Amino acid sequence: MEIKELKREKELLTATLSGRMDAITATEFTTRLEDWIDEGLRDFIIDCGQLDYISSAGLRSILIIAKKLKGLEGELKLAGLQESVQTVFAISGFNKIIPIFASLDDAATA
């Protein structure tokens, strides 16, 4: 899995996530986002268009970050999920917890 920062504006960070998010790489996701939160960032848009797979550990990491941000009056938004990843979010009910958008532009204007 790879996480790349695309853009920063005040407290908003837009990043892209690619590859596989599993038990091993989910920890990297949590650590990276917690580092950005420690820097003062509170709102995140994550482009998941290149994320091929997400495990329950990946879902748990996303939930941990979303809850942490909510407590800081921030928000985590996901954009561009591939069909297989979107299905995992729908089956798990996470699509009702985490805001999911078709594109980065949709997430940025919401």
PDB file of N, CA and C in Angstrom:
ATOM      1  N   MET A   1       0.838  -1.170   0.000  1.00  0.00           N
ATOM      2  CA  MET A   1       0.000   0.000   0.000  1.00  0.00           C
ATOM      3  C   MET A   1       0.886   1.237   0.000  1.00  0.00           C
ATOM      4  N   GLU A   2       0.423   2.262  -0.689  1.00  0.00           N
ATOM      5  CA  GLU A   2       1.148   3.523  -0.733  1.00  0.00           C
ATOM      6  C   GLU A   2       0.182   4.663  -0.418  1.00  0.00           C
ATOM      7  N   ILE A   3       0.638   5.601   0.399  1.00  0.00           N
ATOM      8  CA  ILE A   3      -0.135   6.800   0.729  1.00  0.00           C
ATOM      9  C   ILE A   3       0.684   7.990   0.250  1.00  0.00           C
ATOM     10  N   LYS A   4       0.089   8.797  -0.645  1.00  0.00           N
ATOM     11  CA  LYS A   4       0.786   9.969  -1.146  1.00  0.00           C
ATOM     12  C   LYS A   4      -0.032  11.221  -0.878  1.00  0.00           C
ATOM     13  N   GLU A   5       0.631  12.213  -0.338  1.00  0.00           N
ATOM     14  CA  GLU A   5      -0.006  13.513  -0.129  1.00  0.00           C
ATOM     15  C   GLU A   5      -0.137  14.205  -1.478  1.00  0.00           C
ATOM     16  N   LEU A   6      -1.344  14.694  -1.773  1.00  0.00           N
ATOM     17  CA  LEU A   6      -1.567  15.402  -3.026  1.00  0.00           C
ATOM     18  C   LEU A   6      -1.597  16.910  -2.829  1.00  0.00           C
ATOM     19  N   LYS A   7      -2.293  17.346  -1.772  1.00  0.00           N
ATOM     20  CA  LYS A   7      -2.473  18.783  -1.578  1.00  0.00           C
ATOM     21  C   LYS A   7      -2.819  19.079  -0.131  1.00  0.00           C
ATOM     22  N   ARG A   8      -2.325  20.237   0.367  1.00  0.00           N
ATOM     23  CA  ARG A   8      -2.643  20.733   1.704  1.00  0.00           C
ATOM     24  C   ARG A   8      -3.204  22.134   1.585  1.00  0.00           C
ATOM     25  N   GLU A   9      -4.289  22.369   2.288  1.00  0.00           N
ATOM     26  CA  GLU A   9      -4.872  23.708   2.372  1.00  0.00           C
ATOM     27  C   GLU A   9      -5.374  23.898   3.791  1.00  0.00           C
ATOM     28  N   LYS A  10      -4.725  24.772   4.547  1.00  0.00           N
ATOM     29  CA  LYS A  10      -5.069  25.030   5.948  1.00  0.00           C
ATOM     30  C   LYS A  10      -5.130  23.722   6.715  1.00  0.00           C
ATOM     31  N   GLU A  11      -6.318  23.307   7.184  1.00  0.00           N
ATOM     32  CA  GLU A  11      -6.440  22.071   7.966  1.00  0.00           C
ATOM     33  C   GLU A  11      -6.889  20.878   7.125  1.00  0.00           C
ATOM     34  N   LEU A  12      -6.950  21.041   5.786  1.00  0.00           N
ATOM     35  CA  LEU A  12      -7.404  19.977   4.880  1.00  0.00           C
ATOM     36  C   LEU A  12      -6.225  19.364   4.149  1.00  0.00           C
ATOM     37  N   LEU A  13      -6.181  18.036   4.141  1.00  0.00           N
ATOM     38  CA  LEU A  13      -5.164  17.320   3.379  1.00  0.00           C
ATOM     39  C   LEU A  13      -5.863  16.352   2.430  1.00  0.00           C
ATOM     40  N   THR A  14      -5.449  16.388   1.180  1.00  0.00           N
ATOM     41  CA  THR A  14      -5.945  15.442   0.187  1.00  0.00           C
ATOM     42  C   THR A  14      -4.802  14.490  -0.133  1.00  0.00           C
ATOM     43  N   ALA A  15      -5.103  13.187  -0.081  1.00  0.00           N
ATOM     44  CA  ALA A  15      -4.074  12.169  -0.319  1.00  0.00           C
ATOM     45  C   ALA A  15      -4.659  11.052  -1.179  1.00  0.00           C
ATOM     46  N   THR A  16      -3.779  10.242  -1.715  1.00  0.00           N
ATOM     47  CA  THR A  16      -4.207   9.089  -2.496  1.00  0.00           C
ATOM     48  C   THR A  16      -3.690   7.815  -1.830  1.00  0.00           C
ATOM     49  N   LEU A  17      -4.497   6.791  -1.907  1.00  0.00           N
ATOM     50  CA  LEU A  17      -4.194   5.495  -1.304  1.00  0.00           C
ATOM     51  C   LEU A  17      -4.224   4.462  -2.422  1.00  0.00           C
ATOM     52  N   SER A  18      -3.163   3.667  -2.544  1.00  0.00           N
ATOM     53  CA  SER A  18      -3.131   2.671  -3.615  1.00  0.00           C
ATOM     54  C   SER A  18      -2.605   1.335  -3.101  1.00  0.00           C
ATOM     55  N   GLY A  19      -2.955   0.288  -3.834  1.00  0.00           N
ATOM     56  CA  GLY A  19      -2.494  -1.050  -3.476  1.00  0.00           C
ATOM     57  C   GLY A  19      -3.493  -1.799  -2.619  1.00  0.00           C
ATOM     58  N   ARG A  20      -2.975  -2.504  -1.623  1.00  0.00           N
ATOM     59  CA  ARG A  20      -3.797  -3.341  -0.744  1.00  0.00           C
ATOM     60  C   ARG A  20      -3.690  -2.844   0.691  1.00  0.00           C
ATOM     61  N   MET A  21      -4.842  -2.687   1.331  1.00  0.00           N
ATOM     62  CA  MET A  21      -4.856  -2.293   2.744  1.00  0.00           C
ATOM     63  C   MET A  21      -5.283  -3.515   3.548  1.00  0.00           C
ATOM     64  N   ASP A  22      -4.294  -4.147   4.173  1.00  0.00           N
ATOM     65  CA  ASP A  22      -4.546  -5.367   4.931  1.00  0.00           C
ATOM     66  C   ASP A  22      -4.001  -5.212   6.350  1.00  0.00           C
ATOM     67  N   ALA A  23      -3.884  -6.304   7.066  1.00  0.00           N
ATOM     68  CA  ALA A  23      -3.449  -6.255   8.469  1.00  0.00           C
ATOM     69  C   ALA A  23      -2.067  -5.620   8.623  1.00  0.00           C
ATOM     70  N   ILE A  24      -1.213  -5.800   7.664  1.00  0.00           N
ATOM     71  CA  ILE A  24       0.135  -5.253   7.745  1.00  0.00           C
ATOM     72  C   ILE A  24       0.152  -3.762   7.402  1.00  0.00           C
ATOM     73  N   THR A  25      -0.516  -3.394   6.319  1.00  0.00           N
ATOM     74  CA  THR A  25      -0.443  -2.008   5.854  1.00  0.00           C
ATOM     75  C   THR A  25      -1.440  -1.083   6.553  1.00  0.00           C
ATOM     76  N   ALA A  26      -2.444  -1.629   7.203  1.00  0.00           N
ATOM     77  CA  ALA A  26      -3.417  -0.792   7.921  1.00  0.00           C
ATOM     78  C   ALA A  26      -2.738   0.004   9.031  1.00  0.00           C
ATOM     79  N   THR A  27      -1.756  -0.598   9.671  1.00  0.00           N
ATOM     80  CA  THR A  27      -1.008   0.090  10.721  1.00  0.00           C
ATOM     81  C   THR A  27      -0.273   1.296  10.152  1.00  0.00           C
ATOM     82  N   GLU A  28       0.284   1.144   8.964  1.00  0.00           N
ATOM     83  CA  GLU A  28       0.976   2.253   8.300  1.00  0.00           C
ATOM     84  C   GLU A  28      -0.007   3.399   8.026  1.00  0.00           C
ATOM     85  N   PHE A  29      -1.213   3.062   7.573  1.00  0.00           N
ATOM     86  CA  PHE A  29      -2.244   4.073   7.320  1.00  0.00           C
ATOM     87  C   PHE A  29      -2.562   4.843   8.598  1.00  0.00           C
ATOM     88  N   THR A  30      -2.813   4.116   9.671  1.00  0.00           N
ATOM     89  CA  THR A  30      -3.152   4.749  10.947  1.00  0.00           C
ATOM     90  C   THR A  30      -2.018   5.655  11.420  1.00  0.00           C
ATOM     91  N   THR A  31      -0.799   5.157  11.372  1.00  0.00           N
ATOM     92  CA  THR A  31       0.360   5.937  11.814  1.00  0.00           C
ATOM     93  C   THR A  31       0.529   7.204  10.989  1.00  0.00           C
ATOM     94  N   ARG A  32       0.416   7.090   9.668  1.00  0.00           N
ATOM     95  CA  ARG A  32       0.597   8.251   8.789  1.00  0.00           C
ATOM     96  C   ARG A  32      -0.470   9.302   9.062  1.00  0.00           C
ATOM     97  N   LEU A  33      -1.722   8.888   9.170  1.00  0.00           N
ATOM     98  CA  LEU A  33      -2.774   9.868   9.420  1.00  0.00           C
ATOM     99  C   LEU A  33      -2.672  10.467  10.818  1.00  0.00           C
ATOM    100  N   GLU A  34      -2.290   9.673  11.805  1.00  0.00           N
ATOM    101  CA  GLU A  34      -2.089  10.229  13.150  1.00  0.00           C
ATOM    102  C   GLU A  34      -0.958  11.255  13.153  1.00  0.00           C
ATOM    103  N   ASP A  35       0.091  11.028  12.369  1.00  0.00           N
ATOM    104  CA  ASP A  35       1.172  12.013  12.248  1.00  0.00           C
ATOM    105  C   ASP A  35       0.639  13.320  11.672  1.00  0.00           C
ATOM    106  N   TRP A  36      -0.186  13.221  10.637  1.00  0.00           N
ATOM    107  CA  TRP A  36      -0.762  14.421  10.029  1.00  0.00           C
ATOM    108  C   TRP A  36      -1.704  15.124  11.007  1.00  0.00           C
ATOM    109  N   ILE A  37      -2.455  14.356  11.776  1.00  0.00           N
ATOM    110  CA  ILE A  37      -3.339  14.944  12.793  1.00  0.00           C
ATOM    111  C   ILE A  37      -2.503  15.678  13.837  1.00  0.00           C
ATOM    112  N   ASP A  38      -1.386  15.082  14.239  1.00  0.00           N
ATOM    113  CA  ASP A  38      -0.483  15.725  15.196  1.00  0.00           C
ATOM    114  C   ASP A  38       0.086  17.038  14.650  1.00  0.00           C
ATOM    115  N   GLU A  39       0.177  17.157  13.327  1.00  0.00           N
ATOM    116  CA  GLU A  39       0.641  18.396  12.689  1.00  0.00           C
ATOM    117  C   GLU A  39      -0.456  19.466  12.669  1.00  0.00           C
ATOM    118  N   GLY A  40      -1.672  19.104  13.082  1.00  0.00           N
ATOM    119  CA  GLY A  40      -2.764  20.078  13.123  1.00  0.00           C
ATOM    120  C   GLY A  40      -3.799  19.927  12.035  1.00  0.00           C
ATOM    121  N   LEU A  41      -3.638  18.951  11.161  1.00  0.00           N
ATOM    122  CA  LEU A  41      -4.631  18.724  10.108  1.00  0.00           C
ATOM    123  C   LEU A  41      -5.868  18.068  10.716  1.00  0.00           C
ATOM    124  N   ARG A  42      -7.033  18.482  10.263  1.00  0.00           N
ATOM    125  CA  ARG A  42      -8.278  17.982  10.849  1.00  0.00           C
ATOM    126  C   ARG A  42      -9.259  17.417   9.830  1.00  0.00           C
ATOM    127  N   ASP A  43      -9.072  17.739   8.568  1.00  0.00           N
ATOM    128  CA  ASP A  43      -9.974  17.262   7.523  1.00  0.00           C
ATOM    129  C   ASP A  43      -9.148  16.569   6.448  1.00  0.00           C
ATOM    130  N   PHE A  44      -9.622  15.384   6.059  1.00  0.00           N
ATOM    131  CA  PHE A  44      -8.904  14.573   5.079  1.00  0.00           C
ATOM    132  C   PHE A  44      -9.852  14.091   3.994  1.00  0.00           C
ATOM    133  N   ILE A  45      -9.377  14.159   2.767  1.00  0.00           N
ATOM    134  CA  ILE A  45     -10.039  13.511   1.643  1.00  0.00           C
ATOM    135  C   ILE A  45      -9.036  12.501   1.109  1.00  0.00           C
ATOM    136  N   ILE A  46      -9.436  11.247   1.082  1.00  0.00           N
ATOM    137  CA  ILE A  46      -8.550  10.180   0.613  1.00  0.00           C
ATOM    138  C   ILE A  46      -9.104   9.625  -0.698  1.00  0.00           C
ATOM    139  N   ASP A  47      -8.317   9.745  -1.757  1.00  0.00           N
ATOM    140  CA  ASP A  47      -8.679   9.188  -3.059  1.00  0.00           C
ATOM    141  C   ASP A  47      -8.336   7.703  -3.033  1.00  0.00           C
ATOM    142  N   CYS A  48      -9.358   6.865  -3.124  1.00  0.00           N
ATOM    143  CA  CYS A  48      -9.173   5.410  -3.055  1.00  0.00           C
ATOM    144  C   CYS A  48      -9.320   4.746  -4.422  1.00  0.00           C
ATOM    145  N   GLY A  49      -9.203   5.529  -5.492  1.00  0.00           N
ATOM    146  CA  GLY A  49      -9.373   4.999  -6.842  1.00  0.00           C
ATOM    147  C   GLY A  49      -8.375   3.930  -7.219  1.00  0.00           C
ATOM    148  N   GLN A  50      -7.228   3.912  -6.543  1.00  0.00           N
ATOM    149  CA  GLN A  50      -6.200   2.911  -6.838  1.00  0.00           C
ATOM    150  C   GLN A  50      -6.054   1.885  -5.718  1.00  0.00           C
ATOM    151  N   LEU A  51      -6.996   1.905  -4.773  1.00  0.00           N
ATOM    152  CA  LEU A  51      -6.992   0.914  -3.694  1.00  0.00           C
ATOM    153  C   LEU A  51      -7.689  -0.342  -4.208  1.00  0.00           C
ATOM    154  N   ASP A  52      -6.942  -1.437  -4.314  1.00  0.00           N
ATOM    155  CA  ASP A  52      -7.457  -2.670  -4.914  1.00  0.00           C
ATOM    156  C   ASP A  52      -8.167  -3.580  -3.925  1.00  0.00           C
ATOM    157  N   TYR A  53      -7.827  -3.455  -2.646  1.00  0.00           N
ATOM    158  CA  TYR A  53      -8.323  -4.407  -1.653  1.00  0.00           C
ATOM    159  C   TYR A  53      -8.298  -3.755  -0.281  1.00  0.00           C
ATOM    160  N   ILE A  54      -9.313  -4.071   0.542  1.00  0.00           N
ATOM    161  CA  ILE A  54      -9.307  -3.631   1.929  1.00  0.00           C
ATOM    162  C   ILE A  54      -9.809  -4.774   2.812  1.00  0.00           C
ATOM    163  N   SER A  55      -9.085  -5.049   3.876  1.00  0.00           N
ATOM    164  CA  SER A  55      -9.455  -6.109   4.814  1.00  0.00           C
ATOM    165  C   SER A  55     -10.198  -5.506   5.996  1.00  0.00           C
ATOM    166  N   SER A  56     -10.622  -6.363   6.914  1.00  0.00           N
ATOM    167  CA  SER A  56     -11.285  -5.871   8.127  1.00  0.00           C
ATOM    168  C   SER A  56     -10.326  -5.007   8.952  1.00  0.00           C
ATOM    169  N   ALA A  57      -9.037  -5.317   8.902  1.00  0.00           N
ATOM    170  CA  ALA A  57      -8.044  -4.488   9.612  1.00  0.00           C
ATOM    171  C   ALA A  57      -7.986  -3.094   8.993  1.00  0.00           C
ATOM    172  N   GLY A  58      -8.104  -3.020   7.679  1.00  0.00           N
ATOM    173  CA  GLY A  58      -8.131  -1.730   6.996  1.00  0.00           C
ATOM    174  C   GLY A  58      -9.368  -0.933   7.371  1.00  0.00           C
ATOM    175  N   LEU A  59     -10.512  -1.602   7.417  1.00  0.00           N
ATOM    176  CA  LEU A  59     -11.746  -0.936   7.841  1.00  0.00           C
ATOM    177  C   LEU A  59     -11.606  -0.407   9.266  1.00  0.00           C
ATOM    178  N   ARG A  60     -11.026  -1.208  10.131  1.00  0.00           N
ATOM    179  CA  ARG A  60     -10.829  -0.805  11.528  1.00  0.00           C
ATOM    180  C   ARG A  60      -9.942   0.438  11.610  1.00  0.00           C
ATOM    181  N   SER A  61      -8.867   0.493  10.820  1.00  0.00           N
ATOM    182  CA  SER A  61      -7.981   1.656  10.807  1.00  0.00           C
ATOM    183  C   SER A  61      -8.717   2.913  10.347  1.00  0.00           C
ATOM    184  N   ILE A  62      -9.527   2.766   9.327  1.00  0.00           N
ATOM    185  CA  ILE A  62     -10.302   3.908   8.836  1.00  0.00           C
ATOM    186  C   ILE A  62     -11.272   4.377   9.909  1.00  0.00           C
ATOM    187  N   LEU A  63     -11.915   3.448  10.592  1.00  0.00           N
ATOM    188  CA  LEU A  63     -12.847   3.811  11.658  1.00  0.00           C
ATOM    189  C   LEU A  63     -12.132   4.515  12.813  1.00  0.00           C
ATOM    190  N   ILE A  64     -10.966   4.029  13.188  1.00  0.00           N
ATOM    191  CA  ILE A  64     -10.180   4.647  14.261  1.00  0.00           C
ATOM    192  C   ILE A  64      -9.875   6.105  13.920  1.00  0.00           C
ATOM    193  N   ILE A  65      -9.421   6.342  12.695  1.00  0.00           N
ATOM    194  CA  ILE A  65      -9.083   7.705  12.272  1.00  0.00           C
ATOM    195  C   ILE A  65     -10.332   8.573  12.197  1.00  0.00           C
ATOM    196  N   ALA A  66     -11.417   8.042  11.651  1.00  0.00           N
ATOM    197  CA  ALA A  66     -12.660   8.820  11.532  1.00  0.00           C
ATOM    198  C   ALA A  66     -13.171   9.237  12.911  1.00  0.00           C
ATOM    199  N   LYS A  67     -13.121   8.323  13.888  1.00  0.00           N
ATOM    200  CA  LYS A  67     -13.567   8.653  15.242  1.00  0.00           C
ATOM    201  C   LYS A  67     -12.655   9.687  15.895  1.00  0.00           C
ATOM    202  N   LYS A  68     -11.356   9.531  15.690  1.00  0.00           N
ATOM    203  CA  LYS A  68     -10.409  10.486  16.249  1.00  0.00           C
ATOM    204  C   LYS A  68     -10.672  11.888  15.678  1.00  0.00           C
ATOM    205  N   LEU A  69     -10.884  11.960  14.377  1.00  0.00           N
ATOM    206  CA  LEU A  69     -11.138  13.249  13.735  1.00  0.00           C
ATOM    207  C   LEU A  69     -12.457  13.854  14.195  1.00  0.00           C
ATOM    208  N   LYS A  70     -13.469  13.027  14.362  1.00  0.00           N
ATOM    209  CA  LYS A  70     -14.762  13.536  14.830  1.00  0.00           C
ATOM    210  C   LYS A  70     -14.608  14.182  16.205  1.00  0.00           C
ATOM    211  N   GLY A  71     -13.824  13.570  17.070  1.00  0.00           N
ATOM    212  CA  GLY A  71     -13.561  14.125  18.399  1.00  0.00           C
ATOM    213  C   GLY A  71     -12.807  15.443  18.353  1.00  0.00           C
ATOM    214  N   LEU A  72     -12.105  15.686  17.236  1.00  0.00           N
ATOM    215  CA  LEU A  72     -11.356  16.929  17.049  1.00  0.00           C
ATOM    216  C   LEU A  72     -12.107  17.904  16.143  1.00  0.00           C
ATOM    217  N   GLU A  73     -13.380  17.596  15.902  1.00  0.00           N
ATOM    218  CA  GLU A  73     -14.239  18.384  15.016  1.00  0.00           C
ATOM    219  C   GLU A  73     -13.711  18.406  13.585  1.00  0.00           C
ATOM    220  N   GLY A  74     -13.125  17.299  13.163  1.00  0.00           N
ATOM    221  CA  GLY A  74     -12.637  17.135  11.800  1.00  0.00           C
ATOM    222  C   GLY A  74     -13.443  16.073  11.086  1.00  0.00           C
ATOM    223  N   GLU A  75     -12.980  15.690   9.893  1.00  0.00           N
ATOM    224  CA  GLU A  75     -13.730  14.705   9.118  1.00  0.00           C
ATOM    225  C   GLU A  75     -12.811  13.965   8.152  1.00  0.00           C
ATOM    226  N   LEU A  76     -13.123  12.701   7.941  1.00  0.00           N
ATOM    227  CA  LEU A  76     -12.453  11.864   6.956  1.00  0.00           C
ATOM    228  C   LEU A  76     -13.464  11.554   5.862  1.00  0.00           C
ATOM    229  N   LYS A  77     -13.115  11.883   4.613  1.00  0.00           N
ATOM    230  CA  LYS A  77     -13.960  11.569   3.465  1.00  0.00           C
ATOM    231  C   LYS A  77     -13.157  10.675   2.526  1.00  0.00           C
ATOM    232  N   LEU A  78     -13.847   9.715   1.925  1.00  0.00           N
ATOM    233  CA  LEU A  78     -13.226   8.829   0.945  1.00  0.00           C
ATOM    234  C   LEU A  78     -13.835   9.109  -0.420  1.00  0.00           C
ATOM    235  N   ALA A  79     -13.021   8.974  -1.468  1.00  0.00           N
ATOM    236  CA  ALA A  79     -13.494   9.267  -2.820  1.00  0.00           C
ATOM    237  C   ALA A  79     -13.003   8.221  -3.811  1.00  0.00           C
ATOM    238  N   GLY A  80     -13.814   7.986  -4.843  1.00  0.00           N
ATOM    239  CA  GLY A  80     -13.408   7.175  -5.982  1.00  0.00           C
ATOM    240  C   GLY A  80     -13.168   5.706  -5.705  1.00  0.00           C
ATOM    241  N   LEU A  81     -13.926   5.107  -4.806  1.00  0.00           N
ATOM    242  CA  LEU A  81     -13.710   3.702  -4.462  1.00  0.00           C
ATOM    243  C   LEU A  81     -13.969   2.793  -5.659  1.00  0.00           C
ATOM    244  N   GLN A  82     -13.069   1.831  -5.853  1.00  0.00           N
ATOM    245  CA  GLN A  82     -13.298   0.804  -6.864  1.00  0.00           C
ATOM    246  C   GLN A  82     -14.489  -0.043  -6.431  1.00  0.00           C
ATOM    247  N   GLU A  83     -15.126  -0.705  -7.379  1.00  0.00           N
ATOM    248  CA  GLU A  83     -16.341  -1.465  -7.091  1.00  0.00           C
ATOM    249  C   GLU A  83     -16.129  -2.513  -6.002  1.00  0.00           C
ATOM    250  N   SER A  84     -15.017  -3.234  -6.044  1.00  0.00           N
ATOM    251  CA  SER A  84     -14.778  -4.283  -5.043  1.00  0.00           C
ATOM    252  C   SER A  84     -14.625  -3.699  -3.643  1.00  0.00           C
ATOM    253  N   VAL A  85     -13.937  -2.564  -3.530  1.00  0.00           N
ATOM    254  CA  VAL A  85     -13.745  -1.911  -2.233  1.00  0.00           C
ATOM    255  C   VAL A  85     -15.069  -1.300  -1.764  1.00  0.00           C
ATOM    256  N   GLN A  86     -15.816  -0.718  -2.696  1.00  0.00           N
ATOM    257  CA  GLN A  86     -17.106  -0.133  -2.349  1.00  0.00           C
ATOM    258  C   GLN A  86     -18.065  -1.209  -1.834  1.00  0.00           C
ATOM    259  N   THR A  87     -17.987  -2.406  -2.403  1.00  0.00           N
ATOM    260  CA  THR A  87     -18.821  -3.515  -1.949  1.00  0.00           C
ATOM    261  C   THR A  87     -18.494  -3.884  -0.505  1.00  0.00           C
ATOM    262  N   VAL A  88     -17.216  -3.900  -0.149  1.00  0.00           N
ATOM    263  CA  VAL A  88     -16.808  -4.202   1.228  1.00  0.00           C
ATOM    264  C   VAL A  88     -17.384  -3.157   2.186  1.00  0.00           C
ATOM    265  N   PHE A  89     -17.327  -1.892   1.790  1.00  0.00           N
ATOM    266  CA  PHE A  89     -17.887  -0.826   2.626  1.00  0.00           C
ATOM    267  C   PHE A  89     -19.398  -0.985   2.778  1.00  0.00           C
ATOM    268  N   ALA A  90     -20.079  -1.367   1.710  1.00  0.00           N
ATOM    269  CA  ALA A  90     -21.535  -1.537   1.764  1.00  0.00           C
ATOM    270  C   ALA A  90     -21.917  -2.733   2.634  1.00  0.00           C
ATOM    271  N   ILE A  91     -21.236  -3.856   2.454  1.00  0.00           N
ATOM    272  CA  ILE A  91     -21.554  -5.066   3.222  1.00  0.00           C
ATOM    273  C   ILE A  91     -21.303  -4.848   4.714  1.00  0.00           C
ATOM    274  N   SER A  92     -20.233  -4.132   5.034  1.00  0.00           N
ATOM    275  CA  SER A  92     -19.877  -3.898   6.434  1.00  0.00           C
ATOM    276  C   SER A  92     -20.699  -2.771   7.068  1.00  0.00           C
ATOM    277  N   GLY A  93     -21.392  -1.989   6.246  1.00  0.00           N
ATOM    278  CA  GLY A  93     -22.171  -0.865   6.757  1.00  0.00           C
ATOM    279  C   GLY A  93     -21.344   0.394   6.960  1.00  0.00           C
ATOM    280  N   PHE A  94     -20.064   0.335   6.601  1.00  0.00           N
ATOM    281  CA  PHE A  94     -19.193   1.494   6.771  1.00  0.00           C
ATOM    282  C   PHE A  94     -19.581   2.643   5.853  1.00  0.00           C
ATOM    283  N   ASN A  95     -20.293   2.345   4.771  1.00  0.00           N
ATOM    284  CA  ASN A  95     -20.736   3.414   3.881  1.00  0.00           C
ATOM    285  C   ASN A  95     -21.767   4.320   4.557  1.00  0.00           C
ATOM    286  N   LYS A  96     -22.309   3.889   5.667  1.00  0.00           N
ATOM    287  CA  LYS A  96     -23.243   4.716   6.440  1.00  0.00           C
ATOM    288  C   LYS A  96     -22.525   5.509   7.529  1.00  0.00           C
ATOM    289  N   ILE A  97     -21.273   5.156   7.795  1.00  0.00           N
ATOM    290  CA  ILE A  97     -20.489   5.801   8.852  1.00  0.00           C
ATOM    291  C   ILE A  97     -19.489   6.806   8.267  1.00  0.00           C
ATOM    292  N   ILE A  98     -18.840   6.422   7.179  1.00  0.00           N
ATOM    293  CA  ILE A  98     -17.798   7.229   6.547  1.00  0.00           C
ATOM    294  C   ILE A  98     -18.364   7.851   5.274  1.00  0.00           C
ATOM    295  N   PRO A  99     -18.266   9.167   5.110  1.00  0.00           N
ATOM    296  CA  PRO A  99     -18.744   9.794   3.866  1.00  0.00           C
ATOM    297  C   PRO A  99     -17.928   9.309   2.660  1.00  0.00           C
ATOM    298  N   ILE A 100     -18.621   8.804   1.646  1.00  0.00           N
ATOM    299  CA  ILE A 100     -17.983   8.283   0.436  1.00  0.00           C
ATOM    300  C   ILE A 100     -18.533   9.055  -0.760  1.00  0.00           C
ATOM    301  N   PHE A 101     -17.614   9.503  -1.623  1.00  0.00           N
ATOM    302  CA  PHE A 101     -17.991  10.301  -2.782  1.00  0.00           C
ATOM    303  C   PHE A 101     -17.437   9.674  -4.054  1.00  0.00           C
ATOM    304  N   ALA A 102     -18.071   9.972  -5.165  1.00  0.00           N
ATOM    305  CA  ALA A 102     -17.662   9.400  -6.448  1.00  0.00           C
ATOM    306  C   ALA A 102     -16.297   9.924  -6.895  1.00  0.00           C
ATOM    307  N   SER A 103     -15.983  11.184  -6.560  1.00  0.00           N
ATOM    308  CA  SER A 103     -14.726  11.782  -7.023  1.00  0.00           C
ATOM    309  C   SER A 103     -14.160  12.730  -5.969  1.00  0.00           C
ATOM    310  N   LEU A 104     -12.907  13.110  -6.167  1.00  0.00           N
ATOM    311  CA  LEU A 104     -12.272  14.101  -5.293  1.00  0.00           C
ATOM    312  C   LEU A 104     -13.032  15.417  -5.343  1.00  0.00           C
ATOM    313  N   ASP A 105     -13.459  15.830  -6.529  1.00  0.00           N
ATOM    314  CA  ASP A 105     -14.189  17.082  -6.668  1.00  0.00           C
ATOM    315  C   ASP A 105     -15.489  17.051  -5.860  1.00  0.00           C
ATOM    316  N   ASP A 106     -16.214  15.926  -5.941  1.00  0.00           N
ATOM    317  CA  ASP A 106     -17.463  15.801  -5.164  1.00  0.00           C
ATOM    318  C   ASP A 106     -17.178  15.900  -3.664  1.00  0.00           C
ATOM    319  N   ALA A 107     -16.120  15.251  -3.216  1.00  0.00           N
ATOM    320  CA  ALA A 107     -15.778  15.287  -1.788  1.00  0.00           C
ATOM    321  C   ALA A 107     -15.360  16.692  -1.359  1.00  0.00           C
ATOM    322  N   ALA A 108     -14.642  17.379  -2.207  1.00  0.00           N
ATOM    323  CA  ALA A 108     -14.157  18.718  -1.861  1.00  0.00           C
ATOM    324  C   ALA A 108     -15.287  19.744  -1.771  1.00  0.00           C
ATOM    325  N   THR A 109     -16.345  19.549  -2.549  1.00  0.00           N
ATOM    326  CA  THR A 109     -17.435  20.524  -2.560  1.00  0.00           C
ATOM    327  C   THR A 109     -18.560  20.150  -1.609  1.00  0.00           C
ATOM    328  N   ALA A 110     -18.447  19.008  -0.973  1.00  0.00           N
ATOM    329  CA  ALA A 110     -19.513  18.574  -0.045  1.00  0.00           C
ATOM    330  C   ALA A 110     -19.335  19.176   1.329  1.00  0.00           C
TER     331      ALA A 110
END
